[in-house]
C-alpha atoms as a PDB file:
ATOM      1  CA  MET A   1      84.940 116.853 101.316  1.00  0.00           C
ATOM      2  CA  GLU A   2      83.250 115.979 104.593  1.00  0.00           C
ATOM      3  CA  GLU A   3      85.065 113.620 106.932  1.00  0.00           C
ATOM      4  CA  ASP A   4      82.219 111.075 106.904  1.00  0.00           C
ATOM      5  CA  THR A   5      82.405 110.736 103.130  1.00  0.00           C
ATOM      6  CA  VAL A   6      86.135 110.029 102.913  1.00  0.00           C
ATOM      7  CA  ILE A   7      86.970 106.649 101.386  1.00  0.00           C
ATOM      8  CA  PHE A   8      90.294 105.140 102.433  1.00  0.00           C
ATOM      9  CA  TYR A   9      92.279 103.113  99.906  1.00  0.00           C
ATOM     10  CA  ALA A  10      95.450 101.233 100.840  1.00  0.00           C
ATOM     11  CA  VAL A  11      98.142  99.174  99.152  1.00  0.00           C
ATOM     12  CA  PHE A  12      99.917  96.322 100.942  1.00  0.00           C
ATOM     13  CA  ASP A  13     102.936  94.158 100.195  1.00  0.00           C
ATOM     14  CA  SER A  14     102.747  90.359 100.224  1.00  0.00           C
ATOM     15  CA  TYR A  15     103.410  90.307 103.989  1.00  0.00           C
ATOM     16  CA  GLY A  16     100.483  92.642 104.649  1.00  0.00           C
ATOM     17  CA  ARG A  17     102.648  95.677 105.418  1.00  0.00           C
ATOM     18  CA  PRO A  18     101.025  98.947 104.363  1.00  0.00           C
ATOM     19  CA  LEU A  19     102.857 100.561 101.444  1.00  0.00           C
ATOM     20  CA  GLY A  20     100.587 103.546 100.965  1.00  0.00           C
ATOM     21  CA  PHE A  21      97.303 105.145 101.919  1.00  0.00           C
ATOM     22  CA  TYR A  22      95.112 107.099  99.514  1.00  0.00           C
ATOM     23  CA  PRO A  23      92.213 108.907 101.212  1.00  0.00           C
ATOM     24  CA  SER A  24      89.652 110.334  98.819  1.00  0.00           C
ATOM     25  CA  ASP A  25      89.871 113.787 100.389  1.00  0.00           C
ATOM     26  CA  ILE A  26      93.481 113.995  99.129  1.00  0.00           C
ATOM     27  CA  PHE A  27      92.919 111.833  96.020  1.00  0.00           C
ATOM     28  CA  PRO A  28      89.407 112.884  94.991  1.00  0.00           C
ATOM     29  CA  PRO A  29      87.390 111.045  92.343  1.00  0.00           C
ATOM     30  CA  THR A  30      87.455 112.332  88.794  1.00  0.00           C
ATOM     31  CA  GLU A  31      84.709 114.662  87.603  1.00  0.00           C
ATOM     32  CA  ALA A  32      83.003 111.592  86.126  1.00  0.00           C
ATOM     33  CA  GLY A  33      83.066 109.930  89.567  1.00  0.00           C
ATOM     34  CA  ALA A  34      85.763 107.352  88.788  1.00  0.00           C
ATOM     35  CA  ILE A  35      88.543 106.514  91.245  1.00  0.00           C
ATOM     36  CA  ASN A  36      91.423 108.970  91.063  1.00  0.00           C
ATOM     37  CA  PRO A  37      93.955 107.631  88.532  1.00  0.00           C
ATOM     38  CA  ALA A  38      96.788 108.307  91.028  1.00  0.00           C
ATOM     39  CA  ILE A  39      95.430 105.513  93.250  1.00  0.00           C
ATOM     40  CA  PRO A  40      97.136 102.224  92.323  1.00  0.00           C
ATOM     41  CA  LYS A  41      94.890  99.589  90.770  1.00  0.00           C
ATOM     42  CA  GLU A  42      95.848  97.088  93.502  1.00  0.00           C
ATOM     43  CA  ALA A  43      94.554  99.412  96.239  1.00  0.00           C
ATOM     44  CA  VAL A  44      91.758  98.101  98.443  1.00  0.00           C
ATOM     45  CA  VAL A  45      89.134 100.008 100.387  1.00  0.00           C
ATOM     46  CA  ILE A  46      89.596  99.994 104.163  1.00  0.00           C
ATOM     47  CA  SER A  47      87.595 101.598 106.952  1.00  0.00           C
ATOM     48  CA  ARG A  48      88.608 104.767 108.753  1.00  0.00           C
ATOM     49  CA  SER A  49      89.295 102.798 111.947  1.00  0.00           C
ATOM     50  CA  THR A  50      91.444 100.270 110.043  1.00  0.00           C
ATOM     51  CA  TRP A  51      93.405 103.134 108.479  1.00  0.00           C
ATOM     52  CA  GLN A  52      93.922 104.757 111.892  1.00  0.00           C
ATOM     53  CA  THR A  53      95.161 101.497 113.432  1.00  0.00           C
ATOM     54  CA  LEU A  54      97.476 100.724 110.522  1.00  0.00           C
ATOM     55  CA  ALA A  55      98.912 104.245 110.358  1.00  0.00           C
ATOM     56  CA  THR A  56      99.404 104.488 114.120  1.00  0.00           C
ATOM     57  CA  ASN A  57     101.159 101.133 114.521  1.00  0.00           C
ATOM     58  CA  GLN A  58     103.628 101.161 111.622  1.00  0.00           C
ATOM     59  CA  PRO A  59     106.033  99.327 111.220  1.00  0.00           C
ATOM     60  CA  PHE A  60     104.641  96.722 113.636  1.00  0.00           C
ATOM     61  CA  VAL A  61     101.353  96.014 111.883  1.00  0.00           C
ATOM     62  CA  THR A  62     100.109  93.775 109.093  1.00  0.00           C
ATOM     63  CA  TYR A  63      96.749  93.494 107.358  1.00  0.00           C
ATOM     64  CA  LEU A  64      95.985  90.152 105.733  1.00  0.00           C
ATOM     65  CA  ASN A  65      92.588  88.616 104.963  1.00  0.00           C
ATOM     66  CA  ASP A  66      90.820  91.654 106.460  1.00  0.00           C
ATOM     67  CA  GLU A  67      92.589  91.070 109.790  1.00  0.00           C
ATOM     68  CA  ILE A  68      94.878  93.525 111.571  1.00  0.00           C
ATOM     69  CA  LYS A  69      97.772  92.041 113.532  1.00  0.00           C
ATOM     70  CA  ILE A  70     100.055  94.149 115.700  1.00  0.00           C
ATOM     71  CA  HIS A  71     103.433  92.485 116.204  1.00  0.00           C
ATOM     72  CA  ASN A  72     106.034  92.987 118.938  1.00  0.00           C
ATOM     73  CA  GLN A  73     108.818  93.555 116.409  1.00  0.00           C
ATOM     74  CA  VAL A  74     109.187  95.292 113.065  1.00  0.00           C
ATOM     75  CA  VAL A  75     107.609  93.301 110.243  1.00  0.00           C
ATOM     76  CA  PRO A  76     109.947  92.937 107.253  1.00  0.00           C
ATOM     77  CA  SER A  77     108.755  94.338 103.965  1.00  0.00           C
ATOM     78  CA  ALA A  78     108.495  92.278 100.800  1.00  0.00           C
ATOM     79  CA  ARG A  79     110.344  95.169  99.171  1.00  0.00           C
ATOM     80  CA  ALA A  80     113.313  94.448 101.463  1.00  0.00           C
ATOM     81  CA  ASP A  81     113.374  90.880 100.114  1.00  0.00           C
ATOM     82  CA  ILE A  82     113.644  92.199  96.576  1.00  0.00           C
ATOM     83  CA  GLN A  83     116.566  94.465  97.465  1.00  0.00           C
ATOM     84  CA  GLN A  84     118.678  91.651  98.966  1.00  0.00           C
END
């Protein structure tokens, strides 16, 4: 798959912390053209530049309402709240 045609899907917790990335070159569409069933239903499409910023700045980054925020300290995960 060519780099320009890669679609980036991402899943976020309630704080906006990235929980997983699912690029279509690794998770290709089905033969019928549907989204790969391994991609969670709650995944959203993000741009390549958004993916690069989010991946590069973990665990100091959040993505809420289509806005990237880079924080000066680690952002807690909603999953950590569940474990307490």
